[in-house]
Amino acid sequence: LGLLLGGCKKYLDKAPEATVNEKDAFKDFRSFQGFTEELYS
């Protein structure tokens, strides 16, 4: 159980670069346009 929980914790930890905050998502034209593109769909 200890190994399992330890392994899960390590596996499920989110990498810092996987978090996209609003400041990053809307900071430049390329990323903001990527957000806007879904509206066409």
Full PDB file with SEQRES, HELIX, SHEET, SSBOND, CRYST1, ORIGX, SCALE, CONECT and MASTER records, all heavy atoms in Angstrom:
SEQRES   1 A   41  LEU GLY LEU LEU LEU GLY GLY CYS LYS LYS TYR LEU ASP          
SEQRES   2 A   41  LYS ALA PRO GLU ALA THR VAL ASN GLU LYS ASP ALA PHE          
SEQRES   3 A   41  LYS ASP PHE ARG SER PHE GLN GLY PHE THR GLU GLU LEU          
SEQRES   4 A   41  TYR SER                                                      
HELIX    1 AA1 GLY A    2  LEU A   12  1                                  11    
HELIX    2 AA2 PRO A   16  ALA A   18  5                                   3    
HELIX    3 AA3 GLU A   22  ALA A   25  1                                   4    
HELIX    4 AA4 PHE A   29  GLU A   37  1                                   9    
HELIX    5 AA5 GLU A   38  TYR A   40  5                                   3    
CRYST1    1.000    1.000    1.000  90.00  90.00  90.00 P 1           1          
ORIGX1      1.000000  0.000000  0.000000        0.00000                         
ORIGX2      0.000000  1.000000  0.000000        0.00000                         
ORIGX3      0.000000  0.000000  1.000000        0.00000                         
SCALE1      1.000000  0.000000  0.000000        0.00000                         
SCALE2      0.000000  1.000000  0.000000        0.00000                         
SCALE3      0.000000  0.000000  1.000000        0.00000                         
ATOM      1  N   LEU A   1       0.828  -1.198   0.000  1.00  0.00           N  
ATOM      2  CA  LEU A   1       0.000   0.000   0.000  1.00  0.00           C  
ATOM      3  C   LEU A   1       0.868   1.256   0.000  1.00  0.00           C  
ATOM      4  O   LEU A   1       0.579   2.227  -0.719  1.00  0.00           O  
ATOM      5  CB  LEU A   1      -0.912  -0.007   1.226  1.00  0.00           C  
ATOM      6  CG  LEU A   1      -1.905   1.175   1.338  1.00  0.00           C  
ATOM      7  CD1 LEU A   1      -2.857   1.165   0.147  1.00  0.00           C  
ATOM      8  CD2 LEU A   1      -2.691   1.078   2.634  1.00  0.00           C  
ATOM      9  N   GLY A   2       1.948   1.213   0.782  1.00  0.00           N  
ATOM     10  CA  GLY A   2       2.859   2.345   0.829  1.00  0.00           C  
ATOM     11  C   GLY A   2       3.512   2.609  -0.516  1.00  0.00           C  
ATOM     12  O   GLY A   2       3.613   3.743  -0.969  1.00  0.00           O  
ATOM     13  N   LEU A   3       3.955   1.510  -1.156  1.00  0.00           N  
ATOM     14  CA  LEU A   3       4.554   1.659  -2.489  1.00  0.00           C  
ATOM     15  C   LEU A   3       3.555   2.178  -3.503  1.00  0.00           C  
ATOM     16  O   LEU A   3       3.865   3.017  -4.352  1.00  0.00           O  
ATOM     17  CB  LEU A   3       5.122   0.307  -2.956  1.00  0.00           C  
ATOM     18  CG  LEU A   3       6.366  -0.195  -2.206  1.00  0.00           C  
ATOM     19  CD1 LEU A   3       6.689  -1.625  -2.612  1.00  0.00           C  
ATOM     20  CD2 LEU A   3       7.560   0.712  -2.518  1.00  0.00           C  
ATOM     21  N   LEU A   4       2.326   1.665  -3.392  1.00  0.00           N  
ATOM     22  CA  LEU A   4       1.271   2.084  -4.322  1.00  0.00           C  
ATOM     23  C   LEU A   4       0.948   3.565  -4.176  1.00  0.00           C  
ATOM     24  O   LEU A   4       0.878   4.303  -5.156  1.00  0.00           O  
ATOM     25  CB  LEU A   4       0.017   1.248  -4.080  1.00  0.00           C  
ATOM     26  CG  LEU A   4      -1.170   1.524  -5.005  1.00  0.00           C  
ATOM     27  CD1 LEU A   4      -0.810   1.168  -6.440  1.00  0.00           C  
ATOM     28  CD2 LEU A   4      -2.393   0.708  -4.569  1.00  0.00           C  
ATOM     29  N   LEU A   5       0.777   3.985  -2.914  1.00  0.00           N  
ATOM     30  CA  LEU A   5       0.462   5.389  -2.671  1.00  0.00           C  
ATOM     31  C   LEU A   5       1.616   6.295  -3.069  1.00  0.00           C  
ATOM     32  O   LEU A   5       1.420   7.372  -3.639  1.00  0.00           O  
ATOM     33  CB  LEU A   5       0.109   5.606  -1.199  1.00  0.00           C  
ATOM     34  CG  LEU A   5      -1.226   4.986  -0.744  1.00  0.00           C  
ATOM     35  CD1 LEU A   5      -1.376   5.152   0.756  1.00  0.00           C  
ATOM     36  CD2 LEU A   5      -2.385   5.619  -1.477  1.00  0.00           C  
ATOM     37  N   GLY A   6       2.822   5.834  -2.763  1.00  0.00           N  
ATOM     38  CA  GLY A   6       4.001   6.613  -3.133  1.00  0.00           C  
ATOM     39  C   GLY A   6       4.122   6.746  -4.637  1.00  0.00           C  
ATOM     40  O   GLY A   6       4.402   7.811  -5.183  1.00  0.00           O  
ATOM     41  N   GLY A   7       3.873   5.630  -5.337  1.00  0.00           N  
ATOM     42  CA  GLY A   7       3.945   5.637  -6.794  1.00  0.00           C  
ATOM     43  C   GLY A   7       2.878   6.511  -7.393  1.00  0.00           C  
ATOM     44  O   GLY A   7       3.126   7.272  -8.326  1.00  0.00           O  
ATOM     45  N   CYS A   8       1.650   6.446  -6.834  1.00  0.00           N  
ATOM     46  CA  CYS A   8       0.553   7.263  -7.349  1.00  0.00           C  
ATOM     47  C   CYS A   8       0.850   8.735  -7.159  1.00  0.00           C  
ATOM     48  O   CYS A   8       0.605   9.548  -8.045  1.00  0.00           O  
ATOM     49  CB  CYS A   8      -0.756   6.920  -6.643  1.00  0.00           C  
ATOM     50  SG  CYS A   8      -1.467   5.360  -7.197  1.00  0.00           S  
ATOM     51  N   LYS A   9       1.386   9.074  -6.003  1.00  0.00           N  
ATOM     52  CA  LYS A   9       1.675  10.473  -5.720  1.00  0.00           C  
ATOM     53  C   LYS A   9       2.679  11.016  -6.721  1.00  0.00           C  
ATOM     54  O   LYS A   9       2.514  12.099  -7.279  1.00  0.00           O  
ATOM     55  CB  LYS A   9       2.216  10.607  -4.298  1.00  0.00           C  
ATOM     56  CG  LYS A   9       2.422  12.053  -3.851  1.00  0.00           C  
ATOM     57  CD  LYS A   9       2.882  12.086  -2.411  1.00  0.00           C  
ATOM     58  CE  LYS A   9       2.990  13.524  -1.910  1.00  0.00           C  
ATOM     59  NZ  LYS A   9       3.936  14.324  -2.679  1.00  0.00           N  
ATOM     60  N   LYS A  10       3.698  10.229  -7.002  1.00  0.00           N  
ATOM     61  CA  LYS A  10       4.718  10.667  -7.938  1.00  0.00           C  
ATOM     62  C   LYS A  10       4.153  10.750  -9.349  1.00  0.00           C  
ATOM     63  O   LYS A  10       4.431  11.686 -10.110  1.00  0.00           O  
ATOM     64  CB  LYS A  10       5.897   9.693  -7.893  1.00  0.00           C  
ATOM     65  CG  LYS A  10       7.072  10.137  -8.755  1.00  0.00           C  
ATOM     66  CD  LYS A  10       8.225   9.167  -8.607  1.00  0.00           C  
ATOM     67  CE  LYS A  10       9.404   9.626  -9.476  1.00  0.00           C  
ATOM     68  NZ  LYS A  10      10.544   8.683  -9.372  1.00  0.00           N  
ATOM     69  N   TYR A  11       3.318   9.761  -9.692  1.00  0.00           N  
ATOM     70  CA  TYR A  11       2.763   9.704 -11.047  1.00  0.00           C  
ATOM     71  C   TYR A  11       1.751  10.810 -11.291  1.00  0.00           C  
ATOM     72  O   TYR A  11       1.694  11.395 -12.371  1.00  0.00           O  
ATOM     73  CB  TYR A  11       2.100   8.337 -11.263  1.00  0.00           C  
ATOM     74  CG  TYR A  11       1.466   8.187 -12.625  1.00  0.00           C  
ATOM     75  CD1 TYR A  11       2.256   7.930 -13.749  1.00  0.00           C  
ATOM     76  CD2 TYR A  11       0.093   8.323 -12.792  1.00  0.00           C  
ATOM     77  CE1 TYR A  11       1.679   7.809 -14.994  1.00  0.00           C  
ATOM     78  CE2 TYR A  11      -0.494   8.206 -14.035  1.00  0.00           C  
ATOM     79  CZ  TYR A  11       0.305   7.942 -15.139  1.00  0.00           C  
ATOM     80  OH  TYR A  11      -0.260   7.821 -16.371  1.00  0.00           O  
ATOM     81  N   LEU A  12       0.947  11.112 -10.256  1.00  0.00           N  
ATOM     82  CA  LEU A  12      -0.137  12.075 -10.424  1.00  0.00           C  
ATOM     83  C   LEU A  12       0.282  13.519 -10.174  1.00  0.00           C  
ATOM     84  O   LEU A  12      -0.503  14.430 -10.416  1.00  0.00           O  
ATOM     85  CB  LEU A  12      -1.298  11.721  -9.507  1.00  0.00           C  
ATOM     86  CG  LEU A  12      -2.010  10.397  -9.821  1.00  0.00           C  
ATOM     87  CD1 LEU A  12      -3.058  10.108  -8.769  1.00  0.00           C  
ATOM     88  CD2 LEU A  12      -2.644  10.449 -11.206  1.00  0.00           C  
ATOM     89  N   ASP A  13       1.487  13.736  -9.684  1.00  0.00           N  
ATOM     90  CA  ASP A  13       1.948  15.104  -9.486  1.00  0.00           C  
ATOM     91  C   ASP A  13       1.977  15.838 -10.822  1.00  0.00           C  
ATOM     92  O   ASP A  13       2.506  15.324 -11.812  1.00  0.00           O  
ATOM     93  CB  ASP A  13       3.351  15.130  -8.867  1.00  0.00           C  
ATOM     94  CG  ASP A  13       3.306  14.921  -7.366  1.00  0.00           C  
ATOM     95  OD1 ASP A  13       2.198  14.966  -6.826  1.00  0.00           O  
ATOM     96  OD2 ASP A  13       4.367  14.705  -6.757  1.00  0.00           O  
ATOM     97  N   LYS A  14       1.413  17.026 -10.832  1.00  0.00           N  
ATOM     98  CA  LYS A  14       1.333  17.796 -12.074  1.00  0.00           C  
ATOM     99  C   LYS A  14       2.616  18.588 -12.291  1.00  0.00           C  
ATOM    100  O   LYS A  14       3.104  19.251 -11.380  1.00  0.00           O  
ATOM    101  CB  LYS A  14       0.130  18.726 -12.005  1.00  0.00           C  
ATOM    102  CG  LYS A  14      -0.135  19.493 -13.284  1.00  0.00           C  
ATOM    103  CD  LYS A  14      -1.516  20.132 -13.284  1.00  0.00           C  
ATOM    104  CE  LYS A  14      -1.671  21.129 -12.173  1.00  0.00           C  
ATOM    105  NZ  LYS A  14      -2.964  21.847 -12.244  1.00  0.00           N  
ATOM    106  N   ALA A  15       3.134  18.515 -13.482  1.00  0.00           N  
ATOM    107  CA  ALA A  15       4.333  19.274 -13.814  1.00  0.00           C  
ATOM    108  C   ALA A  15       4.009  20.764 -13.819  1.00  0.00           C  
ATOM    109  O   ALA A  15       2.924  21.165 -14.263  1.00  0.00           O  
ATOM    110  CB  ALA A  15       4.850  18.847 -15.183  1.00  0.00           C  
ATOM    111  N   PRO A  16       4.907  21.604 -13.336  1.00  0.00           N  
ATOM    112  CA  PRO A  16       4.640  23.053 -13.288  1.00  0.00           C  
ATOM    113  C   PRO A  16       4.280  23.633 -14.644  1.00  0.00           C  
ATOM    114  O   PRO A  16       3.432  24.518 -14.743  1.00  0.00           O  
ATOM    115  CB  PRO A  16       5.968  23.628 -12.768  1.00  0.00           C  
ATOM    116  CG  PRO A  16       6.610  22.498 -12.031  1.00  0.00           C  
ATOM    117  CD  PRO A  16       6.209  21.249 -12.753  1.00  0.00           C  
ATOM    118  N   GLU A  17       4.917  23.121 -15.722  1.00  0.00           N  
ATOM    119  CA  GLU A  17       4.647  23.672 -17.052  1.00  0.00           C  
ATOM    120  C   GLU A  17       3.276  23.281 -17.593  1.00  0.00           C  
ATOM    121  O   GLU A  17       2.826  23.800 -18.617  1.00  0.00           O  
ATOM    122  CB  GLU A  17       5.733  23.232 -18.045  1.00  0.00           C  
ATOM    123  CG  GLU A  17       5.861  21.731 -18.249  1.00  0.00           C  
ATOM    124  CD  GLU A  17       6.848  21.096 -17.273  1.00  0.00           C  
ATOM    125  OE1 GLU A  17       7.143  21.741 -16.239  1.00  0.00           O  
ATOM    126  OE2 GLU A  17       7.307  19.989 -17.547  1.00  0.00           O  
ATOM    127  N   ALA A  18       2.591  22.331 -16.902  1.00  0.00           N  
ATOM    128  CA  ALA A  18       1.255  21.911 -17.357  1.00  0.00           C  
ATOM    129  C   ALA A  18       0.169  22.885 -16.924  1.00  0.00           C  
ATOM    130  O   ALA A  18      -0.942  22.844 -17.423  1.00  0.00           O  
ATOM    131  CB  ALA A  18       0.931  20.515 -16.818  1.00  0.00           C  
ATOM    132  N   THR A  19       0.487  23.765 -16.001  1.00  0.00           N  
ATOM    133  CA  THR A  19      -0.489  24.745 -15.528  1.00  0.00           C  
ATOM    134  C   THR A  19      -0.461  25.983 -16.421  1.00  0.00           C  
ATOM    135  O   THR A  19       0.574  26.619 -16.577  1.00  0.00           O  
ATOM    136  CB  THR A  19      -0.179  25.158 -14.075  1.00  0.00           C  
ATOM    137  OG1 THR A  19      -0.221  23.999 -13.243  1.00  0.00           O  
ATOM    138  CG2 THR A  19      -1.201  26.175 -13.591  1.00  0.00           C  
ATOM    139  N   VAL A  20      -1.595  26.289 -17.019  1.00  0.00           N  
ATOM    140  CA  VAL A  20      -1.706  27.478 -17.868  1.00  0.00           C  
ATOM    141  C   VAL A  20      -2.585  28.489 -17.156  1.00  0.00           C  
ATOM    142  O   VAL A  20      -3.780  28.265 -16.964  1.00  0.00           O  
ATOM    143  CB  VAL A  20      -2.314  27.128 -19.241  1.00  0.00           C  
ATOM    144  CG1 VAL A  20      -2.413  28.385 -20.104  1.00  0.00           C  
ATOM    145  CG2 VAL A  20      -1.480  26.065 -19.942  1.00  0.00           C  
ATOM    146  N   ASN A  21      -2.002  29.584 -16.741  1.00  0.00           N  
ATOM    147  CA  ASN A  21      -2.806  30.605 -16.067  1.00  0.00           C  
ATOM    148  C   ASN A  21      -3.294  31.637 -17.084  1.00  0.00           C  
ATOM    149  O   ASN A  21      -2.873  31.654 -18.248  1.00  0.00           O  
ATOM    150  CB  ASN A  21      -2.013  31.271 -14.935  1.00  0.00           C  
ATOM    151  CG  ASN A  21      -0.729  31.918 -15.427  1.00  0.00           C  
ATOM    152  OD1 ASN A  21      -0.726  32.595 -16.449  1.00  0.00           O  
ATOM    153  ND2 ASN A  21       0.363  31.719 -14.694  1.00  0.00           N  
ATOM    154  N   GLU A  22      -4.204  32.508 -16.644  1.00  0.00           N  
ATOM    155  CA  GLU A  22      -4.807  33.475 -17.550  1.00  0.00           C  
ATOM    156  C   GLU A  22      -3.775  34.435 -18.124  1.00  0.00           C  
ATOM    157  O   GLU A  22      -3.867  34.844 -19.288  1.00  0.00           O  
ATOM    158  CB  GLU A  22      -5.900  34.247 -16.815  1.00  0.00           C  
ATOM    159  CG  GLU A  22      -7.126  33.404 -16.484  1.00  0.00           C  
ATOM    160  CD  GLU A  22      -8.186  34.210 -15.779  1.00  0.00           C  
ATOM    161  OE1 GLU A  22      -7.902  35.374 -15.409  1.00  0.00           O  
ATOM    162  OE2 GLU A  22      -9.297  33.680 -15.592  1.00  0.00           O  
ATOM    163  N   LYS A  23      -2.790  34.775 -17.329  1.00  0.00           N  
ATOM    164  CA  LYS A  23      -1.766  35.715 -17.793  1.00  0.00           C  
ATOM    165  C   LYS A  23      -1.013  35.149 -18.982  1.00  0.00           C  
ATOM    166  O   LYS A  23      -0.697  35.867 -19.940  1.00  0.00           O  
ATOM    167  CB  LYS A  23      -0.804  36.037 -16.643  1.00  0.00           C  
ATOM    168  CG  LYS A  23       0.167  37.155 -16.962  1.00  0.00           C  
ATOM    169  CD  LYS A  23       1.008  37.498 -15.747  1.00  0.00           C  
ATOM    170  CE  LYS A  23       1.983  38.630 -16.084  1.00  0.00           C  
ATOM    171  NZ  LYS A  23       2.823  38.998 -14.919  1.00  0.00           N  
ATOM    172  N   ASP A  24      -0.725  33.833 -18.941  1.00  0.00           N  
ATOM    173  CA  ASP A  24      -0.014  33.188 -20.050  1.00  0.00           C  
ATOM    174  C   ASP A  24      -0.931  32.963 -21.247  1.00  0.00           C  
ATOM    175  O   ASP A  24      -0.523  33.120 -22.396  1.00  0.00           O  
ATOM    176  CB  ASP A  24       0.568  31.850 -19.594  1.00  0.00           C  
ATOM    177  CG  ASP A  24       1.691  32.018 -18.590  1.00  0.00           C  
ATOM    178  OD1 ASP A  24       2.345  33.081 -18.617  1.00  0.00           O  
ATOM    179  OD2 ASP A  24       1.898  31.115 -17.766  1.00  0.00           O  
ATOM    180  N   ALA A  25      -2.185  32.587 -20.981  1.00  0.00           N  
ATOM    181  CA  ALA A  25      -3.107  32.232 -22.066  1.00  0.00           C  
ATOM    182  C   ALA A  25      -3.446  33.425 -22.944  1.00  0.00           C  
ATOM    183  O   ALA A  25      -3.674  33.273 -24.148  1.00  0.00           O  
ATOM    184  CB  ALA A  25      -4.379  31.634 -21.477  1.00  0.00           C  
ATOM    185  N   PHE A  26      -3.482  34.621 -22.375  1.00  0.00           N  
ATOM    186  CA  PHE A  26      -3.930  35.791 -23.110  1.00  0.00           C  
ATOM    187  C   PHE A  26      -2.824  36.820 -23.335  1.00  0.00           C  
ATOM    188  O   PHE A  26      -3.112  37.951 -23.740  1.00  0.00           O  
ATOM    189  CB  PHE A  26      -5.091  36.462 -22.361  1.00  0.00           C  
ATOM    190  CG  PHE A  26      -6.258  35.552 -22.111  1.00  0.00           C  
ATOM    191  CD1 PHE A  26      -6.613  35.177 -20.820  1.00  0.00           C  
ATOM    192  CD2 PHE A  26      -7.008  35.064 -23.166  1.00  0.00           C  
ATOM    193  CE1 PHE A  26      -7.700  34.341 -20.589  1.00  0.00           C  
ATOM    194  CE2 PHE A  26      -8.094  34.220 -22.957  1.00  0.00           C  
ATOM    195  CZ  PHE A  26      -8.434  33.857 -21.661  1.00  0.00           C  
ATOM    196  N   LYS A  27      -1.574  36.463 -23.132  1.00  0.00           N  
ATOM    197  CA  LYS A  27      -0.502  37.460 -23.126  1.00  0.00           C  
ATOM    198  C   LYS A  27      -0.100  37.934 -24.515  1.00  0.00           C  
ATOM    199  O   LYS A  27       0.369  39.061 -24.679  1.00  0.00           O  
ATOM    200  CB  LYS A  27       0.721  36.903 -22.397  1.00  0.00           C  
ATOM    201  CG  LYS A  27       1.396  35.742 -23.106  1.00  0.00           C  
ATOM    202  CD  LYS A  27       2.602  35.247 -22.341  1.00  0.00           C  
ATOM    203  CE  LYS A  27       3.280  34.075 -23.066  1.00  0.00           C  
ATOM    204  NZ  LYS A  27       4.464  33.590 -22.323  1.00  0.00           N  
ATOM    205  N   ASP A  28      -0.236  37.081 -25.555  1.00  0.00           N  
ATOM    206  CA  ASP A  28       0.179  37.495 -26.896  1.00  0.00           C  
ATOM    207  C   ASP A  28      -0.858  37.066 -27.925  1.00  0.00           C  
ATOM    208  O   ASP A  28      -1.798  36.327 -27.621  1.00  0.00           O  
ATOM    209  CB  ASP A  28       1.569  36.935 -27.242  1.00  0.00           C  
ATOM    210  CG  ASP A  28       1.657  35.426 -27.129  1.00  0.00           C  
ATOM    211  OD1 ASP A  28       0.657  34.740 -27.463  1.00  0.00           O  
ATOM    212  OD2 ASP A  28       2.711  34.904 -26.711  1.00  0.00           O  
ATOM    213  N   PHE A  29      -0.685  37.523 -29.158  1.00  0.00           N  
ATOM    214  CA  PHE A  29      -1.673  37.278 -30.205  1.00  0.00           C  
ATOM    215  C   PHE A  29      -1.815  35.793 -30.514  1.00  0.00           C  
ATOM    216  O   PHE A  29      -2.938  35.300 -30.680  1.00  0.00           O  
ATOM    217  CB  PHE A  29      -1.275  38.037 -31.477  1.00  0.00           C  
ATOM    218  CG  PHE A  29      -2.221  37.793 -32.622  1.00  0.00           C  
ATOM    219  CD1 PHE A  29      -3.452  38.423 -32.675  1.00  0.00           C  
ATOM    220  CD2 PHE A  29      -1.877  36.919 -33.649  1.00  0.00           C  
ATOM    221  CE1 PHE A  29      -4.334  38.194 -33.729  1.00  0.00           C  
ATOM    222  CE2 PHE A  29      -2.751  36.688 -34.699  1.00  0.00           C  
ATOM    223  CZ  PHE A  29      -3.983  37.327 -34.742  1.00  0.00           C  
ATOM    224  N   ARG A  30      -0.711  35.080 -30.579  1.00  0.00           N  
ATOM    225  CA  ARG A  30      -0.758  33.671 -30.956  1.00  0.00           C  
ATOM    226  C   ARG A  30      -1.580  32.853 -29.963  1.00  0.00           C  
ATOM    227  O   ARG A  30      -2.450  32.064 -30.349  1.00  0.00           O  
ATOM    228  CB  ARG A  30       0.654  33.097 -31.068  1.00  0.00           C  
ATOM    229  CG  ARG A  30       0.697  31.633 -31.477  1.00  0.00           C  
ATOM    230  CD  ARG A  30       2.136  31.132 -31.531  1.00  0.00           C  
ATOM    231  NE  ARG A  30       2.185  29.705 -31.788  1.00  0.00           N  
ATOM    232  CZ  ARG A  30       2.164  29.160 -32.998  1.00  0.00           C  
ATOM    233  NH1 ARG A  30       2.074  29.936 -34.062  1.00  0.00           N  
ATOM    234  NH2 ARG A  30       2.228  27.853 -33.147  1.00  0.00           N  
ATOM    235  N   SER A  31      -1.330  33.028 -28.674  1.00  0.00           N  
ATOM    236  CA  SER A  31      -2.056  32.246 -27.664  1.00  0.00           C  
ATOM    237  C   SER A  31      -3.509  32.705 -27.557  1.00  0.00           C  
ATOM    238  O   SER A  31      -4.424  31.889 -27.424  1.00  0.00           O  
ATOM    239  CB  SER A  31      -1.361  32.352 -26.303  1.00  0.00           C  
ATOM    240  OG  SER A  31      -1.269  33.696 -25.883  1.00  0.00           O  
ATOM    241  N   PHE A  32      -3.766  34.007 -27.639  1.00  0.00           N  
ATOM    242  CA  PHE A  32      -5.134  34.534 -27.558  1.00  0.00           C  
ATOM    243  C   PHE A  32      -5.940  34.103 -28.785  1.00  0.00           C  
ATOM    244  O   PHE A  32      -7.118  33.761 -28.689  1.00  0.00           O  
ATOM    245  CB  PHE A  32      -5.117  36.061 -27.450  1.00  0.00           C  
ATOM    246  CG  PHE A  32      -6.254  36.629 -26.644  1.00  0.00           C  
ATOM    247  CD1 PHE A  32      -6.042  37.647 -25.723  1.00  0.00           C  
ATOM    248  CD2 PHE A  32      -7.559  36.152 -26.794  1.00  0.00           C  
ATOM    249  CE1 PHE A  32      -7.088  38.179 -24.975  1.00  0.00           C  
ATOM    250  CE2 PHE A  32      -8.610  36.679 -26.045  1.00  0.00           C  
ATOM    251  CZ  PHE A  32      -8.368  37.695 -25.137  1.00  0.00           C  
ATOM    252  N   GLN A  33      -5.295  34.104 -29.953  1.00  0.00           N  
ATOM    253  CA  GLN A  33      -5.993  33.651 -31.153  1.00  0.00           C  
ATOM    254  C   GLN A  33      -6.295  32.156 -31.065  1.00  0.00           C  
ATOM    255  O   GLN A  33      -7.338  31.693 -31.533  1.00  0.00           O  
ATOM    256  CB  GLN A  33      -5.148  33.942 -32.404  1.00  0.00           C  
ATOM    257  CG  GLN A  33      -5.800  33.548 -33.717  1.00  0.00           C  
ATOM    258  CD  GLN A  33      -7.115  34.265 -33.986  1.00  0.00           C  
ATOM    259  OE1 GLN A  33      -7.332  35.386 -33.530  1.00  0.00           O  
ATOM    260  NE2 GLN A  33      -8.004  33.632 -34.736  1.00  0.00           N  
ATOM    261  N   GLY A  34      -5.406  31.414 -30.437  1.00  0.00           N  
ATOM    262  CA  GLY A  34      -5.668  29.990 -30.217  1.00  0.00           C  
ATOM    263  C   GLY A  34      -6.894  29.780 -29.356  1.00  0.00           C  
ATOM    264  O   GLY A  34      -7.705  28.885 -29.608  1.00  0.00           O  
ATOM    265  N   PHE A  35      -7.058  30.631 -28.347  1.00  0.00           N  
ATOM    266  CA  PHE A  35      -8.261  30.595 -27.506  1.00  0.00           C  
ATOM    267  C   PHE A  35      -9.498  30.939 -28.339  1.00  0.00           C  
ATOM    268  O   PHE A  35     -10.547  30.292 -28.226  1.00  0.00           O  
ATOM    269  CB  PHE A  35      -8.099  31.594 -26.355  1.00  0.00           C  
ATOM    270  CG  PHE A  35      -9.347  31.865 -25.583  1.00  0.00           C  
ATOM    271  CD1 PHE A  35      -9.731  31.054 -24.527  1.00  0.00           C  
ATOM    272  CD2 PHE A  35     -10.169  32.958 -25.900  1.00  0.00           C  
ATOM    273  CE1 PHE A  35     -10.888  31.303 -23.799  1.00  0.00           C  
ATOM    274  CE2 PHE A  35     -11.327  33.217 -25.180  1.00  0.00           C  
ATOM    275  CZ  PHE A  35     -11.679  32.387 -24.130  1.00  0.00           C  
ATOM    276  N   THR A  36      -9.375  31.928 -29.209  1.00  0.00           N  
ATOM    277  CA  THR A  36     -10.509  32.426 -30.005  1.00  0.00           C  
ATOM    278  C   THR A  36     -10.915  31.447 -31.100  1.00  0.00           C  
ATOM    279  O   THR A  36     -12.089  31.375 -31.483  1.00  0.00           O  
ATOM    280  CB  THR A  36     -10.152  33.792 -30.621  1.00  0.00           C  
ATOM    281  OG1 THR A  36      -9.710  34.677 -29.579  1.00  0.00           O  
ATOM    282  CG2 THR A  36     -11.335  34.414 -31.327  1.00  0.00           C  
ATOM    283  N   GLU A  37      -9.965  30.681 -31.608  1.00  0.00           N  
ATOM    284  CA  GLU A  37     -10.217  29.785 -32.745  1.00  0.00           C  
ATOM    285  C   GLU A  37     -11.379  28.820 -32.500  1.00  0.00           C  
ATOM    286  O   GLU A  37     -12.101  28.467 -33.432  1.00  0.00           O  
ATOM    287  CB  GLU A  37      -8.962  28.961 -33.062  1.00  0.00           C  
ATOM    288  CG  GLU A  37      -7.846  29.732 -33.744  1.00  0.00           C  
ATOM    289  CD  GLU A  37      -8.164  30.087 -35.189  1.00  0.00           C  
ATOM    290  OE1 GLU A  37      -8.907  29.335 -35.848  1.00  0.00           O  
ATOM    291  OE2 GLU A  37      -7.676  31.127 -35.659  1.00  0.00           O  
ATOM    292  N   GLU A  38     -11.569  28.384 -31.255  1.00  0.00           N  
ATOM    293  CA  GLU A  38     -12.612  27.396 -30.985  1.00  0.00           C  
ATOM    294  C   GLU A  38     -14.004  27.933 -31.318  1.00  0.00           C  
ATOM    295  O   GLU A  38     -14.918  27.155 -31.604  1.00  0.00           O  
ATOM    296  CB  GLU A  38     -12.565  26.948 -29.523  1.00  0.00           C  
ATOM    297  CG  GLU A  38     -13.459  25.742 -29.254  1.00  0.00           C  
ATOM    298  CD  GLU A  38     -13.502  25.349 -27.783  1.00  0.00           C  
ATOM    299  OE1 GLU A  38     -13.253  26.211 -26.928  1.00  0.00           O  
ATOM    300  OE2 GLU A  38     -13.801  24.173 -27.501  1.00  0.00           O  
ATOM    301  N   LEU A  39     -14.160  29.241 -31.306  1.00  0.00           N  
ATOM    302  CA  LEU A  39     -15.463  29.827 -31.612  1.00  0.00           C  
ATOM    303  C   LEU A  39     -15.910  29.499 -33.029  1.00  0.00           C  
ATOM    304  O   LEU A  39     -17.106  29.371 -33.302  1.00  0.00           O  
ATOM    305  CB  LEU A  39     -15.421  31.343 -31.408  1.00  0.00           C  
ATOM    306  CG  LEU A  39     -15.297  31.796 -29.946  1.00  0.00           C  
ATOM    307  CD1 LEU A  39     -14.951  33.278 -29.858  1.00  0.00           C  
ATOM    308  CD2 LEU A  39     -16.581  31.500 -29.183  1.00  0.00           C  
ATOM    309  N   TYR A  40     -14.963  29.356 -33.940  1.00  0.00           N  
ATOM    310  CA  TYR A  40     -15.312  28.975 -35.312  1.00  0.00           C  
ATOM    311  C   TYR A  40     -15.924  27.574 -35.345  1.00  0.00           C  
ATOM    312  O   TYR A  40     -16.786  27.288 -36.175  1.00  0.00           O  
ATOM    313  CB  TYR A  40     -14.069  29.020 -36.202  1.00  0.00           C  
ATOM    314  CG  TYR A  40     -13.564  30.412 -36.504  1.00  0.00           C  
ATOM    315  CD1 TYR A  40     -12.730  31.095 -35.609  1.00  0.00           C  
ATOM    316  CD2 TYR A  40     -13.924  31.057 -37.676  1.00  0.00           C  
ATOM    317  CE1 TYR A  40     -12.268  32.375 -35.885  1.00  0.00           C  
ATOM    318  CE2 TYR A  40     -13.457  32.345 -37.962  1.00  0.00           C  
ATOM    319  CZ  TYR A  40     -12.636  32.994 -37.064  1.00  0.00           C  
ATOM    320  OH  TYR A  40     -12.190  34.261 -37.357  1.00  0.00           O  
ATOM    321  N   SER A  41     -15.478  26.722 -34.458  1.00  0.00           N  
ATOM    322  CA  SER A  41     -15.996  25.354 -34.403  1.00  0.00           C  
ATOM    323  C   SER A  41     -17.348  25.264 -33.721  1.00  0.00           C  
ATOM    324  O   SER A  41     -17.946  24.194 -33.682  1.00  0.00           O  
ATOM    325  CB  SER A  41     -14.990  24.449 -33.677  1.00  0.00           C  
ATOM    326  OG  SER A  41     -13.786  24.371 -34.402  1.00  0.00           O  
TER     327      SER A  41                                                      
MASTER        0    0    0    5    0    0    0    6  326    1    0    4          
END                                                                             
